[in-house]
Protein backbone atom coordinates (compact mmCIF):
# COMPACT_ATOMS: atom_id res chain seq x y z
CA UNK A 1 0.00 0.00 0.00
CA UNK A 2 1.12 3.57 -0.49
CA UNK A 3 0.39 6.71 1.52
CA UNK A 4 -0.58 9.64 -0.70
CA UNK A 5 -2.44 12.09 1.54
CA UNK A 6 -1.07 15.59 1.91
CA UNK A 7 -0.72 15.45 5.71
CA UNK A 8 2.02 12.80 5.72
CA UNK A 9 5.70 13.58 6.01
CA UNK A 10 6.68 10.96 3.45
CA UNK A 11 5.31 8.80 0.69
CA UNK A 12 5.03 5.45 2.47
CA UNK A 13 4.75 2.03 0.86
CA UNK A 14 4.30 -1.33 2.59
CA UNK A 15 4.56 -4.84 1.17
CA UNK A 16 1.45 -6.17 -0.52
CA UNK A 17 2.52 -9.74 0.26
CA UNK A 18 3.38 -11.21 3.67
CA UNK A 19 7.05 -11.30 4.64
CA UNK A 20 8.25 -14.91 4.69
CA UNK A 21 9.91 -14.66 8.12
CA UNK A 22 7.92 -14.06 11.31
CA UNK A 23 9.17 -11.17 13.40
CA UNK A 24 10.00 -8.96 10.39
CA UNK A 25 8.08 -5.94 9.07
CA UNK A 26 9.08 -3.49 6.34
CA UNK A 27 8.09 -0.12 4.93
CA UNK A 28 9.51 2.06 2.18
CA UNK A 29 9.87 5.82 2.58
CA UNK A 30 10.34 8.64 0.07
CA UNK A 31 11.01 12.21 1.22
CA UNK A 32 8.33 14.80 0.40
CA UNK A 33 10.51 17.77 1.32
CA UNK A 34 8.64 18.72 4.52
CA UNK A 35 10.50 16.72 7.17
CA UNK A 36 11.38 19.06 10.07
CA UNK A 37 14.93 19.12 11.47
CA UNK A 38 15.64 17.39 14.78
CA UNK A 39 12.87 14.87 14.25
CA UNK A 40 12.39 12.64 17.30
CA UNK A 41 12.04 8.91 16.60
CA UNK A 42 9.83 7.23 19.17
CA UNK A 43 11.02 3.86 20.55
CA UNK A 44 9.61 0.57 19.34
CA UNK A 45 10.31 -2.98 20.63
CA UNK A 46 12.32 -4.00 17.59
CA UNK A 47 15.79 -3.56 16.16
CA UNK A 48 15.54 -1.12 13.25
CA UNK A 49 17.57 -1.59 10.08
CA UNK A 50 17.35 1.50 7.85
CA UNK A 51 18.63 0.91 4.30
CA UNK A 52 19.20 4.26 2.60
CA UNK A 53 19.59 4.17 -1.18
CA UNK A 54 18.89 7.76 -2.17
CA UNK A 55 19.50 11.22 -0.69
CA UNK A 56 20.75 11.84 2.85
CA UNK A 57 19.80 10.80 6.38
CA UNK A 58 21.82 11.90 9.43
CA UNK A 59 20.82 10.68 12.89
CA UNK A 60 22.14 11.33 16.39
CA UNK A 61 21.92 8.66 19.09
CA UNK A 62 21.80 9.08 22.86
CA UNK A 63 25.60 9.15 23.06
CA UNK A 64 25.65 12.27 20.87
CA UNK A 65 27.26 10.47 17.94
CA UNK A 66 26.07 11.38 14.46
CA UNK A 67 25.70 8.70 11.80
CA UNK A 68 25.27 9.19 8.05
CA UNK A 69 23.58 6.83 5.60
CA UNK A 70 22.24 3.34 6.26
CA UNK A 71 22.26 2.37 9.93
CA UNK A 72 20.98 -0.05 12.54
CA UNK A 73 19.64 0.89 15.96
CA UNK A 74 19.41 -1.11 19.14
CA UNK A 75 16.15 -2.46 20.50
CA UNK A 76 13.81 0.47 21.08
CA UNK A 77 16.02 3.00 19.27
CA UNK A 78 18.22 3.13 22.35
CA UNK A 79 15.26 4.90 24.01
CA UNK A 80 15.88 8.21 22.20
CA UNK A 81 17.04 8.87 18.65
CA UNK A 82 16.80 12.05 16.57
CA UNK A 83 16.99 12.55 12.82
CA UNK A 84 19.09 15.71 12.49
CA UNK A 85 18.96 16.06 8.73
CA UNK A 86 17.07 14.39 5.92
CA UNK A 87 17.25 15.44 2.30
CA UNK A 88 15.56 13.93 -0.77
CA UNK A 89 15.99 10.46 0.69
CA UNK A 90 14.60 7.08 -0.17
CA UNK A 91 14.99 4.25 2.32
CA UNK A 92 13.61 0.89 3.27
CA UNK A 93 13.13 0.34 7.00
CA UNK A 94 13.13 -3.19 8.39
CA UNK A 95 11.95 -3.91 11.91
CA UNK A 96 13.39 -7.09 13.38
CA UNK A 97 12.21 -8.82 16.53
CA UNK A 98 15.18 -9.36 18.87
CA UNK A 99 15.19 -13.07 18.04
CA UNK A 100 15.44 -12.42 14.29
CA UNK A 101 17.85 -9.52 14.80
CA UNK A 102 20.36 -11.84 16.46
CA UNK A 103 20.29 -14.10 13.41
CA UNK A 104 20.58 -11.22 10.92
CA UNK A 105 23.16 -9.12 12.75
CA UNK A 106 24.92 -11.58 15.02
CA UNK A 107 26.45 -10.71 18.37
CA UNK A 108 26.56 -6.98 17.58
CA UNK A 109 22.91 -6.78 18.68
CA UNK A 110 23.95 -7.16 22.31
CA UNK A 111 26.30 -4.18 22.01
CA UNK A 112 23.95 -1.67 20.36
CA UNK A 113 21.85 -0.57 23.35
CA UNK A 114 21.87 3.28 23.24
CA UNK A 115 23.72 3.58 19.94
CA UNK A 116 23.11 3.68 16.23
CA UNK A 117 25.75 2.02 14.05
CA UNK A 118 26.26 2.66 10.34
CA UNK A 119 26.16 -0.36 8.08
CA UNK A 120 29.45 0.82 6.58
CA UNK A 121 31.04 0.25 9.99
CA UNK A 122 29.23 -3.03 10.46
CA UNK A 123 29.46 -4.64 7.02
CA UNK A 124 31.90 -2.54 5.01
CA UNK A 125 31.44 -2.82 1.24
CA UNK A 126 28.34 -4.99 1.61
CA UNK A 127 26.48 -1.91 2.84
CA UNK A 128 27.24 -0.04 -0.39
CA UNK A 129 26.27 -3.07 -2.47
CA UNK A 130 22.91 -3.29 -0.71
CA UNK A 131 22.19 0.41 -1.32
CA UNK A 132 23.23 0.12 -4.97
CA UNK A 133 21.04 -2.94 -5.48
CA UNK A 134 17.99 -1.29 -3.93
CA UNK A 135 18.53 1.83 -6.01
CA UNK A 136 18.75 -0.24 -9.20
CA UNK A 137 15.49 -2.11 -8.61
CA UNK A 138 12.52 -0.54 -10.43
CA UNK A 139 9.78 -0.79 -7.78
CA UNK A 140 9.09 -1.12 -4.07
CA UNK A 141 7.64 -4.56 -4.73
CA UNK A 142 10.99 -5.66 -6.14
CA UNK A 143 12.88 -4.08 -3.24
CA UNK A 144 10.73 -5.77 -0.60
CA UNK A 145 11.15 -9.12 -2.33
CA UNK A 146 14.92 -8.69 -2.60
CA UNK A 147 15.33 -7.71 1.07
CA UNK A 148 13.02 -10.54 2.13
CA UNK A 149 15.20 -13.07 0.27
CA UNK A 150 18.41 -11.46 1.55
CA UNK A 151 17.22 -11.67 5.17
CA UNK A 152 16.21 -15.30 4.70
CA UNK A 153 19.69 -16.16 3.39
CA UNK A 154 21.39 -14.42 6.31
CA UNK A 155 19.19 -16.16 8.85
CA UNK A 156 19.67 -19.56 7.25
CA UNK A 157 23.43 -19.26 7.62
CA UNK A 158 23.45 -17.72 11.11
CA UNK A 159 23.40 -18.96 14.68
CA UNK A 160 20.16 -18.57 16.61
CA UNK A 161 19.43 -17.34 20.08
CA UNK A 162 18.99 -20.01 22.72
CA UNK A 163 15.49 -21.57 22.57
CA UNK A 164 14.89 -20.48 26.17
CA UNK A 165 15.72 -16.86 25.29
CA UNK A 166 13.42 -16.97 22.26
CA UNK A 167 10.66 -18.39 24.46
CA UNK A 168 11.19 -15.67 27.08
CA UNK A 169 10.89 -12.97 24.41
CA UNK A 170 7.66 -14.47 23.10
CA UNK A 171 6.29 -14.73 26.65
CA UNK A 172 7.07 -11.06 27.35
CA UNK A 173 5.66 -9.93 24.02
CA UNK A 174 2.47 -11.97 24.34
CA UNK A 175 1.82 -10.52 27.80
CA UNK A 176 2.32 -6.98 26.43
CA UNK A 177 5.12 -6.54 28.90
CA UNK A 178 3.09 -7.24 32.00
CA UNK A 179 4.41 -10.68 32.99
CA UNK A 180 6.76 -10.70 35.99
CA UNK A 181 10.30 -11.63 35.02
CA UNK A 182 10.59 -13.88 38.08
CA UNK A 183 7.63 -15.86 36.75
CA UNK A 184 9.27 -16.21 33.32
CA UNK A 185 12.44 -17.54 34.96
CA UNK A 186 10.43 -19.99 37.06
CA UNK A 187 8.51 -21.24 34.02
CA UNK A 188 11.84 -21.85 32.27
CA UNK A 189 13.35 -23.56 35.30
CA UNK A 190 16.08 -20.91 35.44
CA UNK A 191 17.15 -18.57 38.20
CA UNK A 192 16.39 -14.89 37.71
CA UNK A 193 20.13 -14.20 37.40
CA UNK A 194 20.55 -16.90 34.75
CA UNK A 195 17.67 -15.52 32.69
CA UNK A 196 18.99 -11.97 32.97
CA UNK A 197 22.51 -12.99 31.91
CA UNK A 198 21.52 -15.15 28.93
CA UNK A 199 18.80 -12.78 27.73
CA UNK A 200 20.97 -9.66 27.99
CA UNK A 201 23.91 -11.30 26.20
CA UNK A 202 21.77 -12.32 23.20
CA UNK A 203 19.04 -9.68 22.98
CA UNK A 204 20.94 -6.61 24.10
CA UNK A 205 18.65 -5.51 26.94
CA UNK A 206 17.65 -7.15 30.20
CA UNK A 207 14.26 -8.90 30.29
CA UNK A 208 12.92 -6.17 32.58
CA UNK A 209 13.90 -3.37 30.18
CA UNK A 210 12.40 -5.27 27.26
CA UNK A 211 9.15 -5.79 29.19
CA UNK A 212 9.05 -2.09 30.01
CA UNK A 213 9.53 -1.21 26.33
CA UNK A 214 6.82 -3.64 25.15
CA UNK A 215 4.40 -2.25 27.75
CA UNK A 216 5.17 1.31 26.67
CA UNK A 217 4.57 0.40 23.01
CA UNK A 218 1.20 -1.12 23.82
CA UNK A 219 0.28 1.95 25.87
CA UNK A 220 1.17 4.41 23.09
CA UNK A 221 -0.93 2.38 20.65
CA UNK A 222 -3.83 2.86 23.04
CA UNK A 223 -3.24 6.60 23.30
CA UNK A 224 -3.10 6.95 19.51
CA UNK A 225 -6.34 4.97 19.23
CA UNK A 226 -8.02 7.64 21.35
CA UNK A 227 -8.16 5.98 24.77
CA UNK A 228 -7.83 8.29 27.75
CA UNK A 229 -4.63 8.07 29.77
CA UNK A 230 -6.31 6.54 32.82
CA UNK A 231 -7.84 3.76 30.73
CA UNK A 232 -4.56 3.11 28.93
CA UNK A 233 -2.70 2.92 32.23
CA UNK A 234 -5.13 0.35 33.61
CA UNK A 235 -5.24 -1.67 30.37
CA UNK A 236 -1.46 -1.71 29.96
CA UNK A 237 -0.59 -2.87 33.47
CA UNK A 238 0.67 0.38 34.97
CA UNK A 239 0.10 0.92 38.66
CA UNK A 240 -1.61 4.24 37.96
CA UNK A 241 -1.75 7.16 35.53
CA UNK A 242 1.35 8.75 37.05
CA UNK A 243 3.31 5.58 36.33
CA UNK A 244 2.27 5.79 32.66
CA UNK A 245 3.22 9.47 32.58
CA UNK A 246 6.71 8.71 33.90
CA UNK A 247 7.32 5.99 31.30
CA UNK A 248 6.13 8.11 28.38
CA UNK A 249 8.29 11.00 29.56
CA UNK A 250 11.31 8.71 29.98
CA UNK A 251 11.03 7.29 26.47
CA UNK A 252 9.99 10.41 24.56
CA UNK A 253 10.40 13.55 26.66
CA UNK A 254 6.68 14.18 26.13
CA UNK A 255 3.46 13.71 28.09
CA UNK A 256 0.77 11.15 27.21
CA UNK A 257 -1.40 14.04 25.97
CA UNK A 258 1.21 15.41 23.55
CA UNK A 259 3.03 12.29 22.37
CA UNK A 260 0.17 11.28 20.05
CA UNK A 261 0.82 14.36 17.87
CA UNK A 262 4.49 13.61 17.25
CA UNK A 263 5.32 13.84 13.52
CA UNK A 264 7.14 10.50 13.53
CA UNK A 265 5.06 8.30 15.79
CA UNK A 266 6.72 4.99 14.93
CA UNK A 267 4.29 2.72 16.73
CA UNK A 268 2.61 0.88 13.88
CA UNK A 269 3.68 -1.76 11.38
CA UNK A 270 2.15 0.07 8.42
CA UNK A 271 1.67 3.74 9.30
CA UNK A 272 4.42 6.23 10.00
CA UNK A 273 3.02 9.69 9.42
CA UNK A 274 1.82 13.04 10.69
CA UNK A 275 -0.04 13.29 12.98
CA UNK A 276 -1.53 10.26 14.77
CA UNK A 277 -1.18 7.53 12.15
CA UNK A 278 -4.22 5.61 11.00
CA UNK A 279 -4.78 2.36 12.83
CA UNK A 280 -5.27 -1.05 11.19
């Protein structure tokens, strides 16, 4: 599908066919020349791989480092990421669940945390070849198909996270971040320390931080859908509305009332726009 309304920051296209691998979503973006500087990117419980094949994108991570061109971010964008400059760009963004991200990116996932890393630094010449290939393809349909096949090849040849870690991620995700980590460890037959160590070394964040991020993501979806903050807090497992307020402020620097109007509210698999993306 494509986004063609005048109130969107970009022309947005999503795959018409399902992606072959679970835990992967994609969208294509084309600049419309109205992207504001210093654009805040709101966290999402996925590793983001941004493949730039036209124009310019410059981002700054929470360490203050600026990165140019294609890049990958840690789970949840490192909790705060800003696009400093965008110009006439075209890019394909891939969201990877932490389980898939480990297979695609390897052990580097555990080291990303609050950083963004350029694909030039990560893969060298392969990064340029990917950008060139995407730029040469004639349509978004062809680009999605090529990236889908490329990801499948990388995953087929890569090591996987431990089955227990994959199960813990699915348990946290299915509970929308509300399950107690002690309970997850007990269900696995692991100690809390063992779960924390194995999970952190393969996913990049502790189980508790991942649960907090998943819960936040669910809550922001509720706010965008028009639920009041008190209802969202109760539905998302927060102790009260103040607890929700603190989490939203920590992740975005905004209040629950204002976060829904952010230009780049990256909370949905198919809609990244301005303001308050349409829900599916």
